[in-house]
Protein backbone atom coordinates (compact mmCIF):
# COMPACT_ATOMS: atom_id res chain seq x y z
CA MET A 1 0.00 0.00 0.00
CA THR A 2 1.25 3.45 -0.85
CA PRO A 3 -0.73 6.31 0.64
CA GLN A 4 -1.01 9.50 -1.37
CA ASN A 5 0.12 11.03 1.86
CA ARG A 6 -1.90 13.47 3.78
CA ALA A 7 0.89 13.76 6.32
CA VAL A 8 -0.12 14.79 9.81
CA SER A 9 1.98 15.11 12.95
CA LEU A 10 1.09 13.72 16.34
CA VAL A 11 1.85 15.86 19.39
CA ARG A 12 2.89 14.61 22.78
CA HIS A 13 0.57 15.16 25.72
CA PRO A 14 2.30 17.83 27.84
CA ASP A 15 2.09 15.73 31.02
CA THR A 16 3.87 12.71 29.50
CA PRO A 17 7.51 13.50 28.66
CA CYS A 18 9.55 11.36 26.26
CA ALA A 19 13.01 12.62 25.33
CA ALA A 20 13.66 9.65 23.01
CA VAL A 21 11.00 10.61 20.45
CA ARG A 22 11.56 13.56 18.13
CA THR A 23 8.50 13.19 15.88
CA ILE A 24 5.62 10.91 15.03
CA GLU A 25 4.09 11.50 11.62
CA VAL A 26 1.26 9.64 9.95
CA GLY A 27 0.62 9.36 6.24
CA VAL A 28 -3.09 8.83 5.62
CA GLY A 29 -4.91 7.77 2.45
CA ARG A 30 -8.29 6.22 1.70
CA GLY A 31 -9.78 4.21 -1.12
CA ALA A 32 -12.30 1.52 -1.92
CA ASP A 33 -10.06 -1.01 -0.16
CA GLY A 34 -9.99 0.96 3.12
CA LEU A 35 -7.93 3.43 5.07
CA ALA A 36 -4.12 3.28 4.68
CA LEU A 37 -2.04 4.51 7.62
CA HIS A 38 1.74 4.84 7.69
CA TYR A 39 3.15 5.82 11.10
CA THR A 40 6.76 7.05 11.23
CA LEU A 41 8.39 7.58 14.61
CA THR A 42 11.83 9.22 14.60
CA GLY A 43 14.12 9.34 17.60
CA THR A 44 16.39 7.10 19.64
CA ILE A 45 14.72 3.74 19.14
CA ALA A 46 17.07 1.94 21.56
CA ALA A 47 15.65 4.13 24.37
CA LEU A 48 12.14 2.74 23.75
CA ARG A 49 10.46 -0.56 24.56
CA ILE A 50 9.34 -1.96 21.23
CA PRO A 51 7.44 -5.25 21.51
CA SER A 52 9.14 -8.22 19.82
CA ALA A 53 7.59 -9.61 16.66
CA VAL A 54 5.08 -12.44 16.95
CA ALA A 55 2.67 -13.99 14.47
CA PRO A 56 -0.14 -11.49 13.69
CA ARG A 57 -3.04 -12.08 16.07
CA ARG A 58 -5.75 -10.34 18.06
CA ALA A 59 -4.69 -9.23 21.53
CA ASP A 60 -6.18 -6.97 24.17
CA ARG A 61 -4.59 -4.22 26.25
CA LEU A 62 -2.06 -3.26 23.58
CA TRP A 63 -2.24 0.36 24.80
CA GLU A 64 -0.26 -0.64 27.90
CA HIS A 65 2.89 -0.71 25.73
CA THR A 66 4.09 0.83 22.47
CA CYS A 67 1.28 0.74 19.93
CA PHE A 68 -0.29 2.88 17.24
CA GLU A 69 -3.99 3.67 17.18
CA ALA A 70 -6.71 5.00 14.93
CA PHE A 71 -10.27 5.92 15.89
CA VAL A 72 -12.83 6.23 13.10
CA ARG A 73 -16.05 8.05 13.96
CA THR A 74 -19.27 8.22 12.00
CA ALA A 75 -21.24 11.45 11.62
CA ASP A 76 -23.24 10.18 14.60
CA THR A 77 -21.78 9.01 17.94
CA ASP A 78 -20.57 5.56 16.86
CA TYR A 79 -16.85 4.98 16.48
CA ARG A 80 -14.32 2.20 16.09
CA GLU A 81 -10.91 1.87 17.67
CA PHE A 82 -8.00 0.07 16.02
CA ASN A 83 -4.77 -0.72 17.90
CA VAL A 84 -1.73 -2.11 16.11
CA SER A 85 1.48 -3.10 17.87
CA PRO A 86 4.92 -3.32 16.25
CA SER A 87 4.77 -6.94 17.50
CA GLY A 88 2.13 -7.79 14.88
CA GLU A 89 -0.66 -8.00 17.44
CA TRP A 90 -3.79 -5.96 16.86
CA ALA A 91 -7.18 -5.17 18.35
CA ALA A 92 -10.39 -3.56 17.14
CA TYR A 93 -13.34 -2.35 19.19
CA GLY A 94 -16.69 -0.80 18.39
CA PHE A 95 -18.39 1.87 20.51
CA ASP A 96 -21.99 3.12 20.46
CA ARG A 97 -20.98 6.33 22.26
CA TYR A 98 -18.12 7.65 24.39
CA ARG A 99 -16.35 4.63 25.93
CA GLU A 100 -19.48 2.44 25.70
CA ARG A 101 -18.51 -0.69 23.79
CA SER A 102 -20.92 -2.13 21.27
CA GLY A 103 -21.15 -5.76 20.22
CA TRP A 104 -19.26 -5.06 16.97
CA MET A 105 -16.52 -7.52 16.09
CA CYS A 106 -13.93 -6.79 13.42
CA PRO A 107 -14.77 -9.09 10.48
CA VAL A 108 -11.19 -9.27 9.17
CA ASP A 109 -7.71 -9.68 10.58
CA LEU A 110 -5.37 -6.71 10.47
CA ARG A 111 -1.76 -6.93 9.38
CA ALA A 112 0.97 -4.37 9.84
CA ASP A 113 4.26 -4.01 7.99
CA VAL A 114 6.96 -2.87 10.42
CA GLU A 115 10.44 -1.53 9.70
CA ARG A 116 12.90 -0.61 12.41
CA ALA A 117 16.23 1.27 12.28
CA ASP A 118 18.37 3.01 14.91
CA ASP A 119 16.54 6.31 14.47
CA ARG A 120 13.21 5.28 12.97
CA LEU A 121 10.25 2.95 13.53
CA GLU A 122 7.70 2.65 10.74
CA LEU A 123 4.39 0.83 10.86
CA ALA A 124 2.05 0.63 7.88
CA VAL A 125 -1.44 -0.83 8.12
CA LEU A 126 -4.50 -0.95 5.93
CA LEU A 127 -7.78 -0.77 7.84
CA PRO A 128 -9.94 -2.71 5.35
CA ALA A 129 -13.20 -1.18 4.17
CA ALA A 130 -15.06 -4.15 5.71
CA ALA A 131 -13.83 -3.04 9.16
CA LEU A 132 -14.75 0.63 8.78
CA PRO A 133 -18.10 2.30 9.43
CA ALA A 134 -20.14 2.71 6.25
CA ASP A 135 -20.65 6.42 6.99
CA ALA A 136 -17.74 8.19 5.31
CA ARG A 137 -18.76 11.62 6.63
CA GLY A 138 -17.09 11.08 9.97
CA ALA A 139 -13.73 11.96 11.43
CA LEU A 140 -10.46 10.32 12.34
CA ALA A 141 -8.41 10.45 15.53
CA LEU A 142 -4.84 9.20 15.24
CA SER A 143 -2.69 8.44 18.24
CA ALA A 144 0.24 6.48 19.65
CA VAL A 145 1.27 5.11 23.00
CA ILE A 146 5.04 5.03 23.40
CA GLU A 147 6.79 3.13 26.18
CA SER A 148 10.30 4.25 27.13
CA ALA A 149 12.98 1.80 28.24
CA ASP A 150 12.38 2.91 31.85
CA GLY A 151 8.70 1.87 31.59
CA SER A 152 7.27 5.39 31.43
CA ILE A 153 4.49 5.99 28.91
CA SER A 154 3.96 8.98 26.64
CA TYR A 155 0.75 9.69 24.75
CA TRP A 156 0.69 11.22 21.27
CA ALA A 157 -2.33 12.40 19.27
CA LEU A 158 -3.46 14.80 16.57
CA ARG A 159 -5.07 16.86 19.31
CA HIS A 160 -5.42 16.35 23.07
CA PRO A 161 -8.41 17.47 25.14
CA ALA A 162 -7.76 19.48 28.30
CA GLY A 163 -6.78 17.36 31.28
CA ARG A 164 -5.47 13.82 31.23
CA PRO A 165 -4.76 11.92 27.98
CA ASP A 166 -7.99 10.58 26.47
CA PHE A 167 -7.90 9.25 22.91
CA HIS A 168 -11.67 8.59 22.99
CA HIS A 169 -12.56 12.24 23.61
CA LEU A 170 -14.46 13.99 20.82
CA ASP A 171 -11.79 16.74 20.64
CA GLY A 172 -9.28 14.16 19.37
CA PHE A 173 -11.23 13.50 16.17
CA ALA A 174 -9.36 16.24 14.36
CA LEU A 175 -9.16 14.94 10.79
CA LEU A 176 -12.32 14.83 8.68
CA LEU A 177 -12.49 11.70 6.54
CA ASP A 178 -13.55 13.82 3.57
CA ALA A 179 -10.16 15.58 3.82
CA VAL A 180 -8.20 12.31 3.49
CA PRO A 181 -6.89 11.87 -0.06
CA ALA A 182 -7.34 8.72 -2.11
CA HIS A 183 -4.52 6.19 -2.19
CA ARG A 184 -3.67 3.46 -4.60
CA THR A 185 -2.55 -0.04 -3.80
CA GLU A 186 0.50 -1.49 -5.46
CA SER A 187 -0.42 -4.32 -7.78
CA ALA A 188 1.72 -7.35 -8.34
CA SER A 189 2.97 -7.43 -11.91
């Protein structure tokens, strides 16, 4: 997948320091196949706890360690949360309203491509159309949880509400889906 990047930057919550991370940028694109996200973290990767690779699988509580997240909201109050770890583990949750889980189950498995270097961690994932709400008039909240080598956690998002970090808060849905450019998928030839 190659997003026609709408590049956005995540900002660190002011109460959660993290000297090891310089920037987190996300390339975003959408198409008939879904929503393509490409997270790029730059900094001192050795100073972070990056989960070891495992076979891709569903797992809960990924937000307790380094993971990348996307929240997709409809024009109403429904939204879906997607968590993807550099380990290959992933989770997806549906909500009827603020922090009230619905019975929605993600109908497809997610898969992330991860690349790691001394100064960069990249994670690319396609959120398939089958996993997204049908209402394309909603908004997107992008975020990341970063665990430092000392176990401290920093929270990164497009926009933070006042007070403690809260990725579910309506103020975090700062990117309208209509503003996300189309992407194309690479075809095998």
